[in-house]
N, C-alpha and C. Protein backbone atom coordinates (compact mmCIF):
# COMPACT_ATOMS: atom_id res chain seq x y z
N SER A 1 77.76 10.51 121.53
CA SER A 1 76.31 10.84 120.53
C SER A 1 76.85 10.13 119.11
N GLY A 2 76.05 9.65 118.52
CA GLY A 2 76.10 8.79 117.45
C GLY A 2 77.03 9.56 116.33
N CYS A 3 77.38 10.74 116.29
CA CYS A 3 78.29 11.57 115.42
C CYS A 3 79.96 11.27 115.79
N GLU A 4 79.68 11.02 117.04
CA GLU A 4 81.10 11.26 118.14
C GLU A 4 81.76 9.78 117.44
N ALA A 5 80.86 8.63 117.35
CA ALA A 5 81.37 7.51 117.01
C ALA A 5 81.77 6.97 115.42
N GLY A 6 81.79 7.84 114.76
CA GLY A 6 82.23 7.95 113.42
C GLY A 6 83.58 6.90 113.35
N GLY A 7 83.75 5.82 112.54
CA GLY A 7 84.72 4.90 112.61
C GLY A 7 85.50 5.13 111.19
N THR A 8 86.34 4.28 110.77
CA THR A 8 87.26 4.30 109.35
C THR A 8 86.37 3.42 108.54
N GLY A 9 85.46 3.15 108.67
CA GLY A 9 84.89 1.61 107.71
C GLY A 9 84.38 2.37 106.51
N THR A 10 84.07 1.84 105.72
CA THR A 10 83.39 2.11 104.62
C THR A 10 81.91 1.29 103.87
N ASN A 11 81.10 1.43 103.45
CA ASN A 11 80.25 0.87 103.01
C ASN A 11 80.60 -0.43 102.06
N ARG A 12 81.47 -0.36 101.65
CA ARG A 12 82.19 -1.45 100.83
C ARG A 12 82.26 -2.69 101.74
N GLU A 13 83.05 -2.01 102.90
CA GLU A 13 83.30 -3.35 104.01
C GLU A 13 82.19 -3.69 104.65
N ALA A 14 81.08 -3.03 104.79
CA ALA A 14 79.70 -3.36 105.23
C ALA A 14 79.50 -4.66 104.48
N GLY A 15 79.37 -4.68 103.01
CA GLY A 15 78.99 -5.92 102.32
C GLY A 15 80.06 -6.56 101.95
N ALA A 16 80.97 -7.14 102.98
CA ALA A 16 81.85 -7.41 102.21
C ALA A 16 81.55 -9.56 101.85
N THR A 17 82.04 -9.53 100.98
CA THR A 17 81.71 -10.96 100.12
C THR A 17 82.66 -11.75 99.71
N ALA A 18 82.67 -12.73 99.39
CA ALA A 18 83.58 -13.79 98.99
C ALA A 18 84.30 -13.13 97.86
N ALA A 19 83.38 -12.31 96.99
CA ALA A 19 84.15 -11.40 96.34
C ALA A 19 85.52 -10.76 96.79
N ASN A 20 85.73 -10.44 97.97
CA ASN A 20 86.80 -10.11 98.91
C ASN A 20 87.76 -10.85 99.12
N THR A 21 87.82 -12.08 98.44
CA THR A 21 88.71 -13.29 99.18
C THR A 21 90.25 -12.74 98.66
N ASN A 22 90.45 -12.05 97.67
CA ASN A 22 91.86 -11.59 96.99
C ASN A 22 92.10 -10.44 97.94
N ALA A 23 91.39 -9.62 98.72
CA ALA A 23 91.59 -8.61 99.45
C ALA A 23 93.26 -8.97 100.24
N ALA A 24 94.03 -9.89 100.76
CA ALA A 24 95.23 -9.88 101.01
C ALA A 24 95.95 -10.15 100.12
N ALA A 25 96.14 -10.46 99.40
CA ALA A 25 96.92 -10.39 97.51
C ALA A 25 97.02 -9.19 97.37
N ARG A 26 96.16 -7.83 97.46
CA ARG A 26 96.23 -6.73 97.25
C ARG A 26 97.43 -6.14 98.22
N THR A 27 98.00 -4.97 97.35
CA THR A 27 99.19 -3.99 98.09
C THR A 27 98.11 -2.75 98.60
N GLU A 28 98.02 -2.60 100.02
CA GLU A 28 97.28 -1.11 100.20
C GLU A 28 97.78 -1.19 101.47
N GLY A 29 97.74 0.22 101.77
CA GLY A 29 98.51 1.14 102.60
C GLY A 29 97.58 0.80 103.81
N LYS A 30 97.95 0.99 105.02
CA LYS A 30 97.39 0.99 106.36
C LYS A 30 96.09 1.92 106.72
N LYS A 31 94.88 1.51 107.05
CA LYS A 31 93.93 2.79 107.04
C LYS A 31 94.07 3.34 108.39
N PRO A 32 94.32 4.36 108.18
CA PRO A 32 94.18 5.40 109.54
C PRO A 32 92.99 5.27 110.61
N THR A 33 93.57 5.75 111.96
CA THR A 33 92.39 5.43 112.95
C THR A 33 91.85 7.02 112.80
N VAL A 34 90.63 6.82 113.47
CA VAL A 34 89.96 8.13 113.37
C VAL A 34 91.02 9.59 114.34
N ASP A 35 91.59 8.84 115.34
CA ASP A 35 92.50 9.52 115.80
C ASP A 35 93.55 9.93 115.26
N GLU A 36 94.18 9.35 114.04
CA GLU A 36 95.38 9.68 113.07
C GLU A 36 94.84 11.01 112.34
N ILE A 37 93.35 10.89 111.89
CA ILE A 37 92.78 11.69 110.80
C ILE A 37 92.68 13.05 111.76
N ARG A 38 91.84 13.07 112.92
CA ARG A 38 91.69 14.21 113.89
C ARG A 38 92.99 14.70 114.39
N ALA A 39 94.33 14.26 114.39
CA ALA A 39 95.44 14.62 114.78
C ALA A 39 95.59 15.91 113.69
N VAL A 40 95.44 16.12 112.53
CA VAL A 40 95.64 16.78 111.55
C VAL A 40 94.71 17.80 111.60
N LEU A 41 93.47 17.78 112.25
CA LEU A 41 93.17 19.20 112.62
C LEU A 41 93.69 19.53 113.84
N ALA A 42 93.89 18.59 114.57
CA ALA A 42 94.37 19.32 116.11
C ALA A 42 95.61 20.12 115.48
N ALA A 43 96.34 19.65 114.94
CA ALA A 43 97.52 20.12 114.72
C ALA A 43 97.18 21.60 113.97
N HIS A 44 96.55 21.63 112.88
CA HIS A 44 95.68 22.81 112.41
C HIS A 44 95.37 24.04 113.30
N ASP A 45 94.30 23.29 114.10
CA ASP A 45 93.76 24.20 115.28
C ASP A 45 95.08 25.02 116.36
N LYS A 46 96.25 23.91 116.61
CA LYS A 46 97.16 24.40 117.64
C LYS A 46 97.77 25.87 116.97
N ALA A 47 97.93 25.24 115.48
CA ALA A 47 98.80 26.11 114.60
C ALA A 47 98.00 27.58 114.75
N LEU A 48 96.86 27.34 114.62
CA LEU A 48 95.82 28.78 114.43
C LEU A 48 95.72 29.51 115.64
N ASN A 49 95.87 29.07 116.73
CA ASN A 49 95.79 29.75 118.09
C ASN A 49 96.87 30.18 118.16
N ASP A 50 98.12 29.28 117.78
CA ASP A 50 99.49 29.88 117.97
C ASP A 50 99.75 31.10 116.99
N LYS A 51 98.70 31.50 115.95
CA LYS A 51 99.37 32.34 114.78
C LYS A 51 100.39 31.77 113.81
N ASN A 52 100.41 30.55 113.58
CA ASN A 52 101.97 30.34 113.12
C ASN A 52 101.58 29.89 111.71
N LEU A 53 101.65 30.74 110.96
CA LEU A 53 101.74 30.77 109.61
C LEU A 53 102.27 29.29 108.91
N ASP A 54 103.55 29.43 109.30
CA ASP A 54 104.23 28.06 108.52
C ASP A 54 103.82 26.70 109.35
N ALA A 55 103.27 26.52 110.34
CA ALA A 55 102.86 25.49 110.95
C ALA A 55 101.26 25.20 110.16
N ILE A 56 100.65 26.26 110.16
CA ILE A 56 99.35 26.21 109.57
C ILE A 56 99.78 25.40 108.42
N MET A 57 100.22 25.99 107.16
CA MET A 57 100.69 25.38 105.77
C MET A 57 101.18 23.98 106.12
N ALA A 58 101.77 23.22 107.17
CA ALA A 58 102.36 22.45 107.13
C ALA A 58 101.39 21.14 107.26
N THR A 59 100.08 21.62 107.60
CA THR A 59 98.81 20.69 107.67
C THR A 59 97.93 20.48 106.50
N PHE A 60 98.79 21.61 105.46
CA PHE A 60 97.78 21.08 104.29
C PHE A 60 98.85 20.80 102.86
N SER A 61 98.41 20.08 101.88
CA SER A 61 99.13 19.67 101.00
C SER A 61 99.63 20.82 99.96
N THR A 62 100.90 20.45 99.38
CA THR A 62 101.46 21.60 98.51
C THR A 62 100.80 21.31 97.29
N ASP A 63 100.03 20.35 96.96
CA ASP A 63 99.06 20.18 95.46
C ASP A 63 98.46 21.50 95.52
N PRO A 64 98.94 21.78 93.83
CA PRO A 64 98.06 23.04 93.43
C PRO A 64 96.77 22.93 93.60
N THR A 65 96.12 21.97 93.48
CA THR A 65 94.51 21.82 93.70
C THR A 65 93.96 21.65 95.05
N THR A 66 95.19 22.02 96.09
CA THR A 66 94.49 22.00 97.34
C THR A 66 93.55 23.33 97.39
N VAL A 67 92.41 22.98 98.15
CA VAL A 67 91.43 23.76 98.45
C VAL A 67 91.01 24.54 99.88
N MET A 68 90.89 25.72 100.41
CA MET A 68 89.97 26.14 101.25
C MET A 68 88.99 26.46 100.82
N MET A 69 87.44 26.56 102.04
CA MET A 69 86.43 26.95 101.40
C MET A 69 85.97 27.97 102.81
N GLY A 70 85.43 28.40 102.58
CA GLY A 70 84.35 29.34 103.86
C GLY A 70 83.20 28.95 103.51
N THR A 71 82.00 30.31 104.13
CA THR A 71 80.59 30.19 104.27
C THR A 71 80.29 30.75 102.55
N GLY A 72 80.51 31.73 102.04
CA GLY A 72 80.22 32.28 101.24
C GLY A 72 80.95 31.71 99.78
N SER A 73 80.20 32.36 98.63
CA SER A 73 80.76 31.50 97.33
C SER A 73 82.12 32.32 97.26
N GLU A 74 82.43 33.60 97.59
CA GLU A 74 83.38 34.03 97.51
C GLU A 74 84.87 33.80 98.28
N GLU A 75 84.31 32.72 99.22
CA GLU A 75 85.51 32.23 100.15
C GLU A 75 85.94 30.91 99.81
N ARG A 76 86.78 31.01 98.88
CA ARG A 76 87.62 30.05 98.51
C ARG A 76 88.65 30.25 97.47
N TRP A 77 89.94 29.63 98.45
CA TRP A 77 91.13 29.64 97.93
C TRP A 77 92.07 28.13 97.57
N MET A 78 92.65 28.78 96.42
CA MET A 78 92.88 27.36 95.46
C MET A 78 94.57 27.14 95.50
N GLY A 79 95.04 26.25 95.95
CA GLY A 79 96.58 26.24 95.97
C GLY A 79 97.13 26.92 96.90
N PRO A 80 98.66 26.33 97.49
CA PRO A 80 99.13 27.01 98.80
C PRO A 80 99.16 28.45 98.73
N GLN A 81 99.51 29.53 97.83
CA GLN A 81 99.86 30.48 98.01
C GLN A 81 98.43 31.18 98.22
N GLU A 82 97.17 31.13 97.88
CA GLU A 82 96.14 31.46 98.30
C GLU A 82 95.50 31.04 99.35
N VAL A 83 95.75 30.01 99.80
CA VAL A 83 95.61 29.45 101.34
C VAL A 83 96.28 30.23 102.33
N ARG A 84 97.39 30.33 101.82
CA ARG A 84 98.58 31.04 103.12
C ARG A 84 97.64 32.43 102.93
N SER A 85 97.80 32.92 101.87
CA SER A 85 97.06 34.40 101.81
C SER A 85 95.76 34.72 102.81
N ALA A 86 94.81 33.69 102.62
CA ALA A 86 93.36 33.71 103.34
C ALA A 86 93.89 33.58 105.16
N TYR A 87 94.63 32.56 105.13
CA TYR A 87 95.38 32.58 106.69
C TYR A 87 95.92 33.49 107.31
N SER A 88 96.22 34.48 106.52
CA SER A 88 97.33 35.44 106.81
C SER A 88 96.20 36.84 107.23
N GLU A 89 95.13 36.75 106.62
CA GLU A 89 94.06 37.68 107.14
C GLU A 89 93.38 36.67 107.97
N ILE A 90 92.77 35.52 108.16
CA ILE A 90 92.08 35.33 108.82
C ILE A 90 92.90 35.35 110.78
N ILE A 91 93.93 35.19 110.59
CA ILE A 91 94.81 35.37 112.14
C ILE A 91 95.05 36.65 112.16
N LYS A 92 94.26 37.92 111.63
CA LYS A 92 94.46 39.54 112.20
C LYS A 92 93.40 39.27 113.13
N ASP A 93 92.33 38.53 113.08
CA ASP A 93 91.02 38.57 114.03
C ASP A 93 91.23 38.28 115.34
N TYR A 94 91.98 37.75 115.75
CA TYR A 94 92.47 37.67 117.26
C TYR A 94 94.00 37.52 117.76
N ASP A 95 93.88 37.61 119.31
CA ASP A 95 95.03 37.60 119.89
C ASP A 95 95.59 36.00 120.00
N PRO A 96 97.20 35.96 119.53
CA PRO A 96 97.46 34.34 119.99
C PRO A 96 97.38 34.03 121.07
N GLY A 97 96.83 32.54 121.23
CA GLY A 97 96.69 31.84 122.50
C GLY A 97 95.33 32.07 123.07
N THR A 98 94.00 32.51 122.39
CA THR A 98 92.82 32.84 122.69
C THR A 98 91.81 32.15 121.93
N LEU A 99 92.31 31.61 121.24
CA LEU A 99 91.34 30.59 120.29
C LEU A 99 91.06 29.37 120.97
N ASP A 100 89.81 28.95 121.14
CA ASP A 100 89.58 27.88 121.79
C ASP A 100 87.95 27.32 120.89
N ALA A 101 88.60 25.93 120.61
CA ALA A 101 87.10 25.32 119.83
C ALA A 101 87.05 24.26 120.44
N LYS A 102 85.68 23.86 120.84
CA LYS A 102 85.28 22.62 121.49
C LYS A 102 84.08 22.20 120.43
N CYS A 103 84.65 20.92 119.57
CA CYS A 103 83.79 20.18 119.12
C CYS A 103 83.38 19.02 119.54
N ASP A 104 82.03 18.99 119.67
CA ASP A 104 80.97 17.91 120.45
C ASP A 104 80.39 16.98 118.86
N CYS A 105 80.70 17.32 117.67
CA CYS A 105 80.26 16.08 116.82
C CYS A 105 81.48 16.05 115.80
N LYS A 106 82.21 14.75 116.12
CA LYS A 106 83.42 14.47 115.55
C LYS A 106 83.19 13.14 114.54
N THR A 107 83.15 13.27 113.15
CA THR A 107 83.43 11.80 112.57
C THR A 107 84.43 11.59 111.41
N GLY A 108 84.82 10.72 111.19
CA GLY A 108 85.43 10.41 110.08
C GLY A 108 85.82 9.17 109.29
N GLY A 109 86.59 8.55 108.32
CA GLY A 109 86.65 7.55 107.28
C GLY A 109 87.64 7.98 106.62
N SER A 110 87.92 6.72 106.26
CA SER A 110 88.85 6.66 105.10
C SER A 110 88.24 5.55 103.88
N ASP A 111 89.23 5.77 102.93
CA ASP A 111 89.24 4.97 101.56
C ASP A 111 89.83 3.42 102.02
N ASP A 112 89.40 2.55 101.12
CA ASP A 112 90.01 1.23 101.47
C ASP A 112 91.50 0.91 101.22
N ASP A 113 92.08 1.98 100.42
CA ASP A 113 93.46 1.71 100.13
C ASP A 113 94.41 2.55 101.44
N GLY A 114 93.70 3.27 102.46
CA GLY A 114 94.44 3.98 103.20
C GLY A 114 95.12 5.42 102.70
N GLN A 115 94.46 5.63 101.46
CA GLN A 115 95.51 6.87 100.84
C GLN A 115 94.36 8.32 101.09
N MET A 116 93.23 8.43 101.28
CA MET A 116 92.49 9.20 101.60
C MET A 116 91.51 8.95 102.74
N ALA A 117 91.40 10.40 103.32
CA ALA A 117 90.76 10.45 104.68
C ALA A 117 89.68 11.28 104.73
N TRP A 118 88.60 11.24 105.41
CA TRP A 118 87.53 12.72 105.79
C TRP A 118 87.39 13.04 107.17
N LEU A 119 86.94 13.84 107.15
CA LEU A 119 86.72 14.17 108.88
C LEU A 119 85.11 15.44 108.67
N ALA A 120 84.60 15.35 109.85
CA ALA A 120 83.93 16.27 109.94
C ALA A 120 83.52 16.84 111.28
N ALA A 121 83.02 18.03 111.82
CA ALA A 121 82.97 18.59 112.94
C ALA A 121 82.28 19.59 113.13
N SER A 122 81.30 19.70 114.27
CA SER A 122 80.62 20.99 114.30
C SER A 122 81.00 21.63 115.65
N CYS A 123 81.56 22.78 115.71
CA CYS A 123 82.40 23.33 116.91
C CYS A 123 81.94 24.62 117.59
N ASP A 124 82.00 24.68 118.82
CA ASP A 124 81.48 25.98 119.29
C ASP A 124 82.90 26.68 119.63
N CYS A 125 83.20 27.72 119.16
CA CYS A 125 84.59 28.41 119.10
C CYS A 125 84.65 29.81 119.97
N LYS A 126 85.49 29.97 120.50
CA LYS A 126 85.40 31.69 120.92
C LYS A 126 87.15 31.98 120.99
N ASP A 127 87.21 32.91 120.61
CA ASP A 127 88.80 34.05 120.76
C ASP A 127 88.53 35.41 121.14
N SER A 128 89.54 35.85 121.30
CA SER A 128 89.51 37.68 121.58
C SER A 128 90.20 38.66 120.89
N LEU A 129 90.22 39.55 120.41
CA LEU A 129 91.03 40.61 120.08
C LEU A 129 91.01 41.67 121.01
N LYS A 130 92.17 41.97 121.76
CA LYS A 130 92.67 43.22 122.50
C LYS A 130 91.35 43.12 123.53
N GLY A 131 91.34 42.14 124.49
CA GLY A 131 90.26 42.07 125.32
C GLY A 131 88.95 41.56 124.93
N LYS A 132 88.45 41.96 123.59
CA LYS A 132 86.96 41.77 123.56
C LYS A 132 87.14 40.51 123.12
N VAL A 133 85.97 39.61 123.57
CA VAL A 133 85.77 38.23 123.21
C VAL A 133 84.94 38.09 122.14
N ARG A 134 84.64 37.02 121.44
CA ARG A 134 83.66 36.91 120.19
C ARG A 134 83.54 35.28 120.40
N SER A 135 82.33 34.93 120.08
CA SER A 135 82.06 33.62 120.38
C SER A 135 81.37 33.39 118.98
N TYR A 136 81.73 31.90 118.17
CA TYR A 136 80.88 31.37 117.21
C TYR A 136 80.94 30.07 117.12
N LYS A 137 79.97 29.76 115.91
CA LYS A 137 79.82 28.06 115.58
C LYS A 137 80.82 28.00 113.88
N LEU A 138 81.46 26.71 114.39
CA LEU A 138 81.93 26.52 112.92
C LEU A 138 81.44 24.89 112.31
N ASN A 139 81.08 24.86 111.40
CA ASN A 139 81.08 23.50 110.44
C ASN A 139 82.14 23.26 109.60
N ILE A 140 82.90 22.08 110.09
CA ILE A 140 84.27 21.67 109.65
C ILE A 140 83.96 20.62 108.69
N THR A 141 84.38 20.37 107.63
CA THR A 141 84.85 18.99 106.74
C THR A 141 85.93 19.31 106.39
N GLY A 142 86.77 18.45 106.03
CA GLY A 142 88.23 18.34 105.40
C GLY A 142 88.14 17.13 104.73
N THR A 143 89.06 16.89 103.79
CA THR A 143 89.91 15.70 103.07
C THR A 143 91.03 15.64 103.29
N VAL A 144 91.95 14.76 103.83
CA VAL A 144 93.28 14.81 103.82
C VAL A 144 93.65 13.54 102.98
N ALA A 145 95.00 13.57 102.60
CA ALA A 145 95.55 12.78 101.58
C ALA A 145 97.02 12.44 102.20
N LYS A 146 97.66 11.15 101.94
CA LYS A 146 99.06 10.92 102.23
C LYS A 146 99.64 11.67 101.19
N GLN A 147 100.63 12.76 102.18
CA GLN A 147 101.74 13.12 101.11
C GLN A 147 103.08 12.69 101.98
N ASN A 148 104.07 12.28 101.20
CA ASN A 148 105.15 12.22 102.18
C ASN A 148 104.97 11.33 103.36
N GLU A 149 104.22 10.56 103.48
CA GLU A 149 103.86 9.48 104.29
C GLU A 149 103.16 10.54 105.70
N GLN A 150 102.62 11.65 105.44
CA GLN A 150 102.00 12.37 106.12
C GLN A 150 100.61 12.60 105.91
N TRP A 151 99.78 12.48 106.70
CA TRP A 151 98.28 13.12 106.29
C TRP A 151 98.50 14.46 106.39
N LYS A 152 97.71 15.24 105.07
CA LYS A 152 97.61 16.28 104.67
C LYS A 152 96.46 16.62 104.17
N PHE A 153 95.81 18.21 104.61
CA PHE A 153 94.85 18.74 104.02
C PHE A 153 94.82 18.70 102.13
N VAL A 154 93.89 18.28 101.90
CA VAL A 154 93.75 18.68 100.46
C VAL A 154 92.14 19.47 100.07
N SER A 155 91.69 19.50 100.89
CA SER A 155 90.26 20.26 100.97
C SER A 155 90.17 20.48 102.52
N LEU A 156 89.59 21.84 102.82
CA LEU A 156 89.17 22.23 103.96
C LEU A 156 88.20 23.35 104.16
N HIS A 157 86.98 23.07 104.54
CA HIS A 157 85.86 23.69 104.45
C HIS A 157 85.20 24.06 105.96
N MET A 158 85.36 25.39 106.04
CA MET A 158 84.98 26.05 107.62
C MET A 158 83.90 26.98 107.19
N SER A 159 82.46 26.93 107.83
CA SER A 159 81.51 27.59 107.63
C SER A 159 81.06 28.02 108.92
N ASN A 160 80.33 29.10 109.08
CA ASN A 160 79.73 29.50 110.13
C ASN A 160 78.43 28.69 110.20
N ALA A 161 78.04 28.06 111.47
CA ALA A 161 77.18 27.09 111.40
C ALA A 161 75.76 28.18 111.61
N PHE A 162 75.18 28.02 110.83
CA PHE A 162 73.79 28.42 110.85
C PHE A 162 72.40 28.51 112.06
N GLN A 163 72.05 29.17 112.63
CA GLN A 163 71.51 29.13 113.54
C GLN A 163 69.91 29.06 113.43
N PRO A 164 69.23 27.90 113.18
CA PRO A 164 67.89 27.73 112.76
C PRO A 164 66.94 28.77 113.60
N PRO A 165 65.68 29.10 113.24
CA PRO A 165 64.71 29.88 113.84
C PRO A 165 64.46 29.08 114.76
N VAL A 166 63.72 29.49 116.04
CA VAL A 166 63.00 29.07 116.92
C VAL A 166 61.52 28.80 116.60
N SER A 167 61.02 27.59 116.55
CA SER A 167 59.63 27.56 116.49
C SER A 167 58.71 27.81 117.39
N LYS A 168 57.78 28.17 117.46
CA LYS A 168 56.71 28.23 118.67
C LYS A 168 55.88 27.30 119.07
C-alpha cells in the first residue's frame, strides 16, 4: 500500500535547489533507514510480548520529557518512572508469549541531520490471558531520537483504533 512505502525523505529534500550546494560542508548524522526506525518498534513489541519491563524501557529515552500516551486524555505518562509504571499495569492484561501484532500500514521518516525520526503504524493485535483471547486494533505513532548512538522513543502514542459506523 502507499502507506507501506514511506521513506526517510523530507519535504525539504523534494525541493532541493542550488541553495543546498553547501550540504557537503555540513556535519550531519547518517539518516536512518525506515528499517532502522521500525527496529525500535520491533524491539518494543518483542519486549512487550515477553513482558520484560527492563527490555521495554531500553527502547525509551531516559530524558525526563519522554512521554507515552494512550487513547484518552488521562492516559499520559511523562518520564521514565511514569512510563515504567504504565507498562507494569499494561503487562498484567495478557500472558507472556501471546501478544501478536500485524501492522499493515507502516511509514516513517527522519530529519535531515539524522538525529530524530518518526514512525506510524496501524495494527491488528491479539493476545490472551488464561486462555481468553482478545482482539483489538491499535494506531501507533512514535518519535525516536539518538541517545548514546541508539534510537530511543522520546514519544510513543498507542490508541485503540476507532471503528467507523457502517453506512447503508
